[in-house]
Amino acid sequence: MIVCYGPTNYADDTFRNEFYDNHQSVIDSIPLQDLTYIAVDLKAKVGQDRFYCLGVMGHHGLGTITENGARLFCFKWGMIC
């Protein structure tokens, strides 16, 4: 089980990039056959614009997308828009 809290939108870009890189490294190090639970608070809002990442989210988003929301979709997590 992986549990973590992500940096806020006000954190330095370098720190946020390192966080996502480190988080991805941990995920990549887990053997595929292992059952893995990931519980995170990424301080991300994905908003209502379903066309930002078509096919990834439904129509029940709230507000507008934040920088961390864009990182969640498009950084290195395989959620490429």
PDB file of N, CA and C in Angstrom:
ATOM      1  N   MET A   1       0.846  -1.168   0.000  1.00  0.00           N
ATOM      2  CA  MET A   1       0.000   0.000   0.000  1.00  0.00           C
ATOM      3  C   MET A   1       0.893   1.233   0.000  1.00  0.00           C
ATOM      4  N   ILE A   2       0.534   2.173  -0.849  1.00  0.00           N
ATOM      5  CA  ILE A   2       1.254   3.444  -0.932  1.00  0.00           C
ATOM      6  C   ILE A   2       0.305   4.535  -0.459  1.00  0.00           C
ATOM      7  N   VAL A   3       0.754   5.330   0.508  1.00  0.00           N
ATOM      8  CA  VAL A   3      -0.036   6.446   1.017  1.00  0.00           C
ATOM      9  C   VAL A   3       0.849   7.678   0.995  1.00  0.00           C
ATOM     10  N   CYS A   4       0.360   8.765   0.396  1.00  0.00           N
ATOM     11  CA  CYS A   4       1.171   9.987   0.386  1.00  0.00           C
ATOM     12  C   CYS A   4       0.289  11.217   0.192  1.00  0.00           C
ATOM     13  N   TYR A   5       0.855  12.348   0.515  1.00  0.00           N
ATOM     14  CA  TYR A   5       0.222  13.645   0.319  1.00  0.00           C
ATOM     15  C   TYR A   5       1.071  14.426  -0.666  1.00  0.00           C
ATOM     16  N   GLY A   6       0.447  14.972  -1.695  1.00  0.00           N
ATOM     17  CA  GLY A   6       1.176  15.721  -2.711  1.00  0.00           C
ATOM     18  C   GLY A   6       1.372  17.173  -2.318  1.00  0.00           C
ATOM     19  N   PRO A   7       2.302  17.834  -2.989  1.00  0.00           N
ATOM     20  CA  PRO A   7       2.537  19.253  -2.733  1.00  0.00           C
ATOM     21  C   PRO A   7       1.374  20.105  -3.258  1.00  0.00           C
ATOM     22  N   THR A   8       1.185  21.261  -2.673  1.00  0.00           N
ATOM     23  CA  THR A   8       0.121  22.168  -3.110  1.00  0.00           C
ATOM     24  C   THR A   8       0.518  22.865  -4.406  1.00  0.00           C
ATOM     25  N   ASN A   9      -0.427  23.582  -4.991  1.00  0.00           N
ATOM     26  CA  ASN A   9      -0.150  24.358  -6.203  1.00  0.00           C
ATOM     27  C   ASN A   9       0.854  25.475  -5.946  1.00  0.00           C
ATOM     28  N   TYR A  10       1.022  25.856  -4.687  1.00  0.00           N
ATOM     29  CA  TYR A  10       1.937  26.948  -4.345  1.00  0.00           C
ATOM     30  C   TYR A  10       3.374  26.475  -4.160  1.00  0.00           C
ATOM     31  N   ALA A  11       3.592  25.178  -4.155  1.00  0.00           N
ATOM     32  CA  ALA A  11       4.945  24.638  -3.990  1.00  0.00           C
ATOM     33  C   ALA A  11       5.776  24.931  -5.238  1.00  0.00           C
ATOM     34  N   ASP A  12       7.069  24.948  -5.044  1.00  0.00           N
ATOM     35  CA  ASP A  12       8.020  25.174  -6.131  1.00  0.00           C
ATOM     36  C   ASP A  12       7.863  24.094  -7.205  1.00  0.00           C
ATOM     37  N   ASP A  13       7.927  24.492  -8.483  1.00  0.00           N
ATOM     38  CA  ASP A  13       7.788  23.532  -9.587  1.00  0.00           C
ATOM     39  C   ASP A  13       8.805  22.405  -9.503  1.00  0.00           C
ATOM     40  N   THR A  14      10.021  22.718  -9.111  1.00  0.00           N
ATOM     41  CA  THR A  14      11.058  21.688  -8.996  1.00  0.00           C
ATOM     42  C   THR A  14      10.655  20.651  -7.959  1.00  0.00           C
ATOM     43  N   PHE A  15      10.151  21.104  -6.828  1.00  0.00           N
ATOM     44  CA  PHE A  15       9.711  20.191  -5.770  1.00  0.00           C
ATOM     45  C   PHE A  15       8.554  19.322  -6.253  1.00  0.00           C
ATOM     46  N   ARG A  16       7.586  19.935  -6.950  1.00  0.00           N
ATOM     47  CA  ARG A  16       6.446  19.161  -7.452  1.00  0.00           C
ATOM     48  C   ARG A  16       6.898  18.131  -8.482  1.00  0.00           C
ATOM     49  N   ASN A  17       7.807  18.514  -9.371  1.00  0.00           N
ATOM     50  CA  ASN A  17       8.317  17.557 -10.361  1.00  0.00           C
ATOM     51  C   ASN A  17       9.026  16.395  -9.678  1.00  0.00           C
ATOM     52  N   GLU A  18       9.837  16.697  -8.661  1.00  0.00           N
ATOM     53  CA  GLU A  18      10.538  15.640  -7.922  1.00  0.00           C
ATOM     54  C   GLU A  18       9.542  14.713  -7.230  1.00  0.00           C
ATOM     55  N   PHE A  19       8.482  15.279  -6.667  1.00  0.00           N
ATOM     56  CA  PHE A  19       7.464  14.460  -6.014  1.00  0.00           C
ATOM     57  C   PHE A  19       6.873  13.466  -7.004  1.00  0.00           C
ATOM     58  N   TYR A  20       6.431  13.949  -8.158  1.00  0.00           N
ATOM     59  CA  TYR A  20       5.813  13.059  -9.140  1.00  0.00           C
ATOM     60  C   TYR A  20       6.813  12.047  -9.689  1.00  0.00           C
ATOM     61  N   ASP A  21       8.064  12.466  -9.905  1.00  0.00           N
ATOM     62  CA  ASP A  21       9.101  11.527 -10.362  1.00  0.00           C
ATOM     63  C   ASP A  21       9.333  10.434  -9.324  1.00  0.00           C
ATOM     64  N   ASN A  22       9.462  10.834  -8.052  1.00  0.00           N
ATOM     65  CA  ASN A  22       9.693   9.851  -6.984  1.00  0.00           C
ATOM     66  C   ASN A  22       8.503   8.915  -6.833  1.00  0.00           C
ATOM     67  N   HIS A  23       7.315   9.461  -6.898  1.00  0.00           N
ATOM     68  CA  HIS A  23       6.107   8.643  -6.775  1.00  0.00           C
ATOM     69  C   HIS A  23       6.051   7.629  -7.917  1.00  0.00           C
ATOM     70  N   GLN A  24       6.357   8.076  -9.126  1.00  0.00           N
ATOM     71  CA  GLN A  24       6.352   7.169 -10.278  1.00  0.00           C
ATOM     72  C   GLN A  24       7.418   6.094 -10.127  1.00  0.00           C
ATOM     73  N   SER A  25       8.592   6.449  -9.596  1.00  0.00           N
ATOM     74  CA  SER A  25       9.662   5.466  -9.385  1.00  0.00           C
ATOM     75  C   SER A  25       9.226   4.371  -8.423  1.00  0.00           C
ATOM     76  N   VAL A  26       8.533   4.765  -7.366  1.00  0.00           N
ATOM     77  CA  VAL A  26       8.036   3.776  -6.401  1.00  0.00           C
ATOM     78  C   VAL A  26       7.035   2.842  -7.080  1.00  0.00           C
ATOM     79  N   ILE A  27       6.108   3.401  -7.833  1.00  0.00           N
ATOM     80  CA  ILE A  27       5.110   2.581  -8.529  1.00  0.00           C
ATOM     81  C   ILE A  27       5.778   1.641  -9.523  1.00  0.00           C
ATOM     82  N   ASP A  28       6.754   2.153 -10.274  1.00  0.00           N
ATOM     83  CA  ASP A  28       7.453   1.335 -11.271  1.00  0.00           C
ATOM     84  C   ASP A  28       8.250   0.201 -10.641  1.00  0.00           C
ATOM     85  N   SER A  29       8.649   0.356  -9.374  1.00  0.00           N
ATOM     86  CA  SER A  29       9.477  -0.662  -8.719  1.00  0.00           C
ATOM     87  C   SER A  29       8.657  -1.844  -8.192  1.00  0.00           C
ATOM     88  N   ILE A  30       7.350  -1.724  -8.193  1.00  0.00           N
ATOM     89  CA  ILE A  30       6.486  -2.789  -7.672  1.00  0.00           C
ATOM     90  C   ILE A  30       6.249  -3.824  -8.768  1.00  0.00           C
ATOM     91  N   PRO A  31       6.512  -5.092  -8.491  1.00  0.00           N
ATOM     92  CA  PRO A  31       6.264  -6.133  -9.502  1.00  0.00           C
ATOM     93  C   PRO A  31       4.799  -6.129  -9.947  1.00  0.00           C
ATOM     94  N   LEU A  32       4.576  -6.335 -11.238  1.00  0.00           N
ATOM     95  CA  LEU A  32       3.227  -6.272 -11.795  1.00  0.00           C
ATOM     96  C   LEU A  32       2.260  -7.264 -11.167  1.00  0.00           C
ATOM     97  N   GLN A  33       2.766  -8.396 -10.708  1.00  0.00           N
ATOM     98  CA  GLN A  33       1.878  -9.401 -10.133  1.00  0.00           C
ATOM     99  C   GLN A  33       1.469  -9.073  -8.698  1.00  0.00           C
ATOM    100  N   ASP A  34       2.096  -8.092  -8.070  1.00  0.00           N
ATOM    101  CA  ASP A  34       1.745  -7.702  -6.703  1.00  0.00           C
ATOM    102  C   ASP A  34       0.489  -6.830  -6.695  1.00  0.00           C
ATOM    103  N   LEU A  35      -0.405  -7.107  -5.755  1.00  0.00           N
ATOM    104  CA  LEU A  35      -1.594  -6.294  -5.569  1.00  0.00           C
ATOM    105  C   LEU A  35      -1.171  -5.007  -4.872  1.00  0.00           C
ATOM    106  N   THR A  36      -1.508  -3.874  -5.455  1.00  0.00           N
ATOM    107  CA  THR A  36      -1.055  -2.595  -4.926  1.00  0.00           C
ATOM    108  C   THR A  36      -2.235  -1.653  -4.736  1.00  0.00           C
ATOM    109  N   TYR A  37      -2.317  -1.061  -3.559  1.00  0.00           N
ATOM    110  CA  TYR A  37      -3.312  -0.035  -3.275  1.00  0.00           C
ATOM    111  C   TYR A  37      -2.582   1.294  -3.178  1.00  0.00           C
ATOM    112  N   ILE A  38      -3.133   2.300  -3.813  1.00  0.00           N
ATOM    113  CA  ILE A  38      -2.527   3.626  -3.774  1.00  0.00           C
ATOM    114  C   ILE A  38      -3.573   4.601  -3.252  1.00  0.00           C
ATOM    115  N   ALA A  39      -3.277   5.241  -2.121  1.00  0.00           N
ATOM    116  CA  ALA A  39      -4.162   6.246  -1.531  1.00  0.00           C
ATOM    117  C   ALA A  39      -3.379   7.548  -1.451  1.00  0.00           C
ATOM    118  N   VAL A  40      -3.805   8.535  -2.220  1.00  0.00           N
ATOM    119  CA  VAL A  40      -3.054   9.788  -2.268  1.00  0.00           C
ATOM    120  C   VAL A  40      -3.991  10.986  -2.175  1.00  0.00           C
ATOM    121  N   ASP A  41      -3.462  12.050  -1.633  1.00  0.00           N
ATOM    122  CA  ASP A  41      -4.119  13.352  -1.688  1.00  0.00           C
ATOM    123  C   ASP A  41      -3.179  14.218  -2.504  1.00  0.00           C
ATOM    124  N   LEU A  42      -3.492  14.397  -3.778  1.00  0.00           N
ATOM    125  CA  LEU A  42      -2.584  15.099  -4.686  1.00  0.00           C
ATOM    126  C   LEU A  42      -2.874  16.590  -4.794  1.00  0.00           C
ATOM    127  N   LYS A  43      -3.786  17.085  -3.986  1.00  0.00           N
ATOM    128  CA  LYS A  43      -4.131  18.515  -4.011  1.00  0.00           C
ATOM    129  C   LYS A  43      -4.461  18.949  -5.438  1.00  0.00           C
ATOM    130  N   ALA A  44      -5.247  18.133  -6.142  1.00  0.00           N
ATOM    131  CA  ALA A  44      -5.559  18.384  -7.548  1.00  0.00           C
ATOM    132  C   ALA A  44      -7.064  18.502  -7.753  1.00  0.00           C
ATOM    133  N   LYS A  45      -7.457  19.472  -8.548  1.00  0.00           N
ATOM    134  CA  LYS A  45      -8.850  19.596  -8.976  1.00  0.00           C
ATOM    135  C   LYS A  45      -8.868  19.408 -10.486  1.00  0.00           C
ATOM    136  N   VAL A  46      -9.773  18.559 -10.950  1.00  0.00           N
ATOM    137  CA  VAL A  46      -9.807  18.266 -12.384  1.00  0.00           C
ATOM    138  C   VAL A  46     -10.882  19.053 -13.122  1.00  0.00           C
ATOM    139  N   GLY A  47     -11.750  19.737 -12.405  1.00  0.00           N
ATOM    140  CA  GLY A  47     -12.723  20.614 -13.032  1.00  0.00           C
ATOM    141  C   GLY A  47     -13.834  19.900 -13.774  1.00  0.00           C
ATOM    142  N   GLN A  48     -14.583  20.676 -14.558  1.00  0.00           N
ATOM    143  CA  GLN A  48     -15.741  20.166 -15.287  1.00  0.00           C
ATOM    144  C   GLN A  48     -15.466  19.940 -16.761  1.00  0.00           C
ATOM    145  N   ASP A  49     -14.371  20.423 -17.278  1.00  0.00           N
ATOM    146  CA  ASP A  49     -14.095  20.359 -18.711  1.00  0.00           C
ATOM    147  C   ASP A  49     -13.698  18.948 -19.106  1.00  0.00           C
ATOM    148  N   ARG A  50     -14.682  18.138 -19.470  1.00  0.00           N
ATOM    149  CA  ARG A  50     -14.421  16.740 -19.828  1.00  0.00           C
ATOM    150  C   ARG A  50     -13.566  16.626 -21.077  1.00  0.00           C
ATOM    151  N   PHE A  51     -13.524  17.639 -21.892  1.00  0.00           N
ATOM    152  CA  PHE A  51     -12.786  17.565 -23.147  1.00  0.00           C
ATOM    153  C   PHE A  51     -11.295  17.796 -22.939  1.00  0.00           C
ATOM    154  N   TYR A  52     -10.909  18.209 -21.726  1.00  0.00           N
ATOM    155  CA  TYR A  52      -9.485  18.382 -21.419  1.00  0.00           C
ATOM    156  C   TYR A  52      -8.768  17.049 -21.540  1.00  0.00           C
ATOM    157  N   CYS A  53      -9.360  16.024 -21.016  1.00  0.00           N
ATOM    158  CA  CYS A  53      -8.811  14.666 -21.109  1.00  0.00           C
ATOM    159  C   CYS A  53      -9.946  13.718 -21.445  1.00  0.00           C
ATOM    160  N   LEU A  54     -10.391  13.780 -22.649  1.00  0.00           N
ATOM    161  CA  LEU A  54     -11.528  12.987 -23.106  1.00  0.00           C
ATOM    162  C   LEU A  54     -11.292  11.507 -22.847  1.00  0.00           C
ATOM    163  N   GLY A  55     -12.272  10.850 -22.285  1.00  0.00           N
ATOM    164  CA  GLY A  55     -12.172   9.425 -22.019  1.00  0.00           C
ATOM    165  C   GLY A  55     -11.577   9.073 -20.673  1.00  0.00           C
ATOM    166  N   VAL A  56     -11.128  10.079 -19.921  1.00  0.00           N
ATOM    167  CA  VAL A  56     -10.521   9.809 -18.622  1.00  0.00           C
ATOM    168  C   VAL A  56     -11.498  10.102 -17.492  1.00  0.00           C
ATOM    169  N   MET A  57     -12.284  11.155 -17.623  1.00  0.00           N
ATOM    170  CA  MET A  57     -13.192  11.520 -16.541  1.00  0.00           C
ATOM    171  C   MET A  57     -14.625  11.628 -17.034  1.00  0.00           C
ATOM    172  N   GLY A  58     -15.552  11.526 -16.101  1.00  0.00           N
ATOM    173  CA  GLY A  58     -16.964  11.635 -16.417  1.00  0.00           C
ATOM    174  C   GLY A  58     -17.432  13.076 -16.384  1.00  0.00           C
ATOM    175  N   HIS A  59     -18.745  13.263 -16.276  1.00  0.00           N
ATOM    176  CA  HIS A  59     -19.312  14.611 -16.326  1.00  0.00           C
ATOM    177  C   HIS A  59     -19.681  15.156 -14.942  1.00  0.00           C
ATOM    178  N   HIS A  60     -19.070  14.645 -13.895  1.00  0.00           N
ATOM    179  CA  HIS A  60     -19.415  15.084 -12.545  1.00  0.00           C
ATOM    180  C   HIS A  60     -18.290  15.863 -11.866  1.00  0.00           C
ATOM    181  N   GLY A  61     -17.364  16.411 -12.612  1.00  0.00           N
ATOM    182  CA  GLY A  61     -16.298  17.210 -12.023  1.00  0.00           C
ATOM    183  C   GLY A  61     -16.839  18.520 -11.470  1.00  0.00           C
ATOM    184  N   LEU A  62     -16.063  19.170 -10.618  1.00  0.00           N
ATOM    185  CA  LEU A  62     -16.467  20.435 -10.018  1.00  0.00           C
ATOM    186  C   LEU A  62     -15.410  21.493 -10.258  1.00  0.00           C
ATOM    187  N   GLY A  63     -15.841  22.741 -10.416  1.00  0.00           N
ATOM    188  CA  GLY A  63     -14.914  23.850 -10.520  1.00  0.00           C
ATOM    189  C   GLY A  63     -14.087  23.831 -11.789  1.00  0.00           C
ATOM    190  N   THR A  64     -12.879  24.369 -11.680  1.00  0.00           N
ATOM    191  CA  THR A  64     -11.968  24.426 -12.820  1.00  0.00           C
ATOM    192  C   THR A  64     -10.705  23.642 -12.498  1.00  0.00           C
ATOM    193  N   ILE A  65     -10.021  23.210 -13.536  1.00  0.00           N
ATOM    194  CA  ILE A  65      -8.803  22.420 -13.353  1.00  0.00           C
ATOM    195  C   ILE A  65      -7.693  23.292 -12.771  1.00  0.00           C
ATOM    196  N   THR A  66      -6.906  22.729 -11.870  1.00  0.00           N
ATOM    197  CA  THR A  66      -5.753  23.422 -11.298  1.00  0.00           C
ATOM    198  C   THR A  66      -4.478  22.892 -11.944  1.00  0.00           C
ATOM    199  N   GLU A  67      -3.348  23.542 -11.640  1.00  0.00           N
ATOM    200  CA  GLU A  67      -2.061  23.060 -12.169  1.00  0.00           C
ATOM    201  C   GLU A  67      -1.817  21.613 -11.771  1.00  0.00           C
ATOM    202  N   ASN A  68      -2.088  21.285 -10.514  1.00  0.00           N
ATOM    203  CA  ASN A  68      -1.888  19.904 -10.071  1.00  0.00           C
ATOM    204  C   ASN A  68      -2.867  18.954 -10.750  1.00  0.00           C
ATOM    205  N   GLY A  69      -4.052  19.430 -11.103  1.00  0.00           N
ATOM    206  CA  GLY A  69      -4.995  18.608 -11.848  1.00  0.00           C
ATOM    207  C   GLY A  69      -4.444  18.260 -13.220  1.00  0.00           C
ATOM    208  N   ALA A  70      -3.839  19.234 -13.873  1.00  0.00           N
ATOM    209  CA  ALA A  70      -3.219  18.982 -15.176  1.00  0.00           C
ATOM    210  C   ALA A  70      -2.053  18.012 -15.034  1.00  0.00           C
ATOM    211  N   ARG A  71      -1.279  18.162 -13.966  1.00  0.00           N
ATOM    212  CA  ARG A  71      -0.171  17.226 -13.730  1.00  0.00           C
ATOM    213  C   ARG A  71      -0.694  15.809 -13.530  1.00  0.00           C
ATOM    214  N   LEU A  72      -1.781  15.686 -12.793  1.00  0.00           N
ATOM    215  CA  LEU A  72      -2.369  14.377 -12.551  1.00  0.00           C
ATOM    216  C   LEU A  72      -2.732  13.703 -13.868  1.00  0.00           C
ATOM    217  N   PHE A  73      -3.330  14.429 -14.782  1.00  0.00           N
ATOM    218  CA  PHE A  73      -3.728  13.853 -16.062  1.00  0.00           C
ATOM    219  C   PHE A  73      -2.554  13.619 -17.004  1.00  0.00           C
ATOM    220  N   CYS A  74      -1.642  14.550 -17.060  1.00  0.00           N
ATOM    221  CA  CYS A  74      -0.716  14.581 -18.188  1.00  0.00           C
ATOM    222  C   CYS A  74       0.760  14.426 -17.852  1.00  0.00           C
ATOM    223  N   PHE A  75       1.115  14.233 -16.610  1.00  0.00           N
ATOM    224  CA  PHE A  75       2.545  14.207 -16.292  1.00  0.00           C
ATOM    225  C   PHE A  75       3.165  12.901 -16.746  1.00  0.00           C
ATOM    226  N   LYS A  76       3.273  11.924 -15.884  1.00  0.00           N
ATOM    227  CA  LYS A  76       3.900  10.657 -16.254  1.00  0.00           C
ATOM    228  C   LYS A  76       3.091   9.468 -15.789  1.00  0.00           C
ATOM    229  N   TRP A  77       1.827   9.663 -15.587  1.00  0.00           N
ATOM    230  CA  TRP A  77       1.031   8.612 -14.982  1.00  0.00           C
ATOM    231  C   TRP A  77       0.263   7.802 -15.997  1.00  0.00           C
ATOM    232  N   GLY A  78       0.601   7.905 -17.256  1.00  0.00           N
ATOM    233  CA  GLY A  78      -0.086   7.139 -18.273  1.00  0.00           C
ATOM    234  C   GLY A  78      -1.463   7.685 -18.599  1.00  0.00           C
ATOM    235  N   MET A  79      -1.798   8.847 -18.070  1.00  0.00           N
ATOM    236  CA  MET A  79      -3.090   9.469 -18.371  1.00  0.00           C
ATOM    237  C   MET A  79      -2.859  10.582 -19.378  1.00  0.00           C
ATOM    238  N   ILE A  80      -2.356  10.215 -20.524  1.00  0.00           N
ATOM    239  CA  ILE A  80      -2.003  11.203 -21.530  1.00  0.00           C
ATOM    240  C   ILE A  80      -3.254  11.711 -22.227  1.00  0.00           C
ATOM    241  N   CYS A  81      -3.375  13.019 -22.309  1.00  0.00           N
ATOM    242  CA  CYS A  81      -4.553  13.637 -22.935  1.00  0.00           C
ATOM    243  C   CYS A  81      -4.462  13.548 -24.448  1.00  0.00           C
TER     244      CYS A  81
END
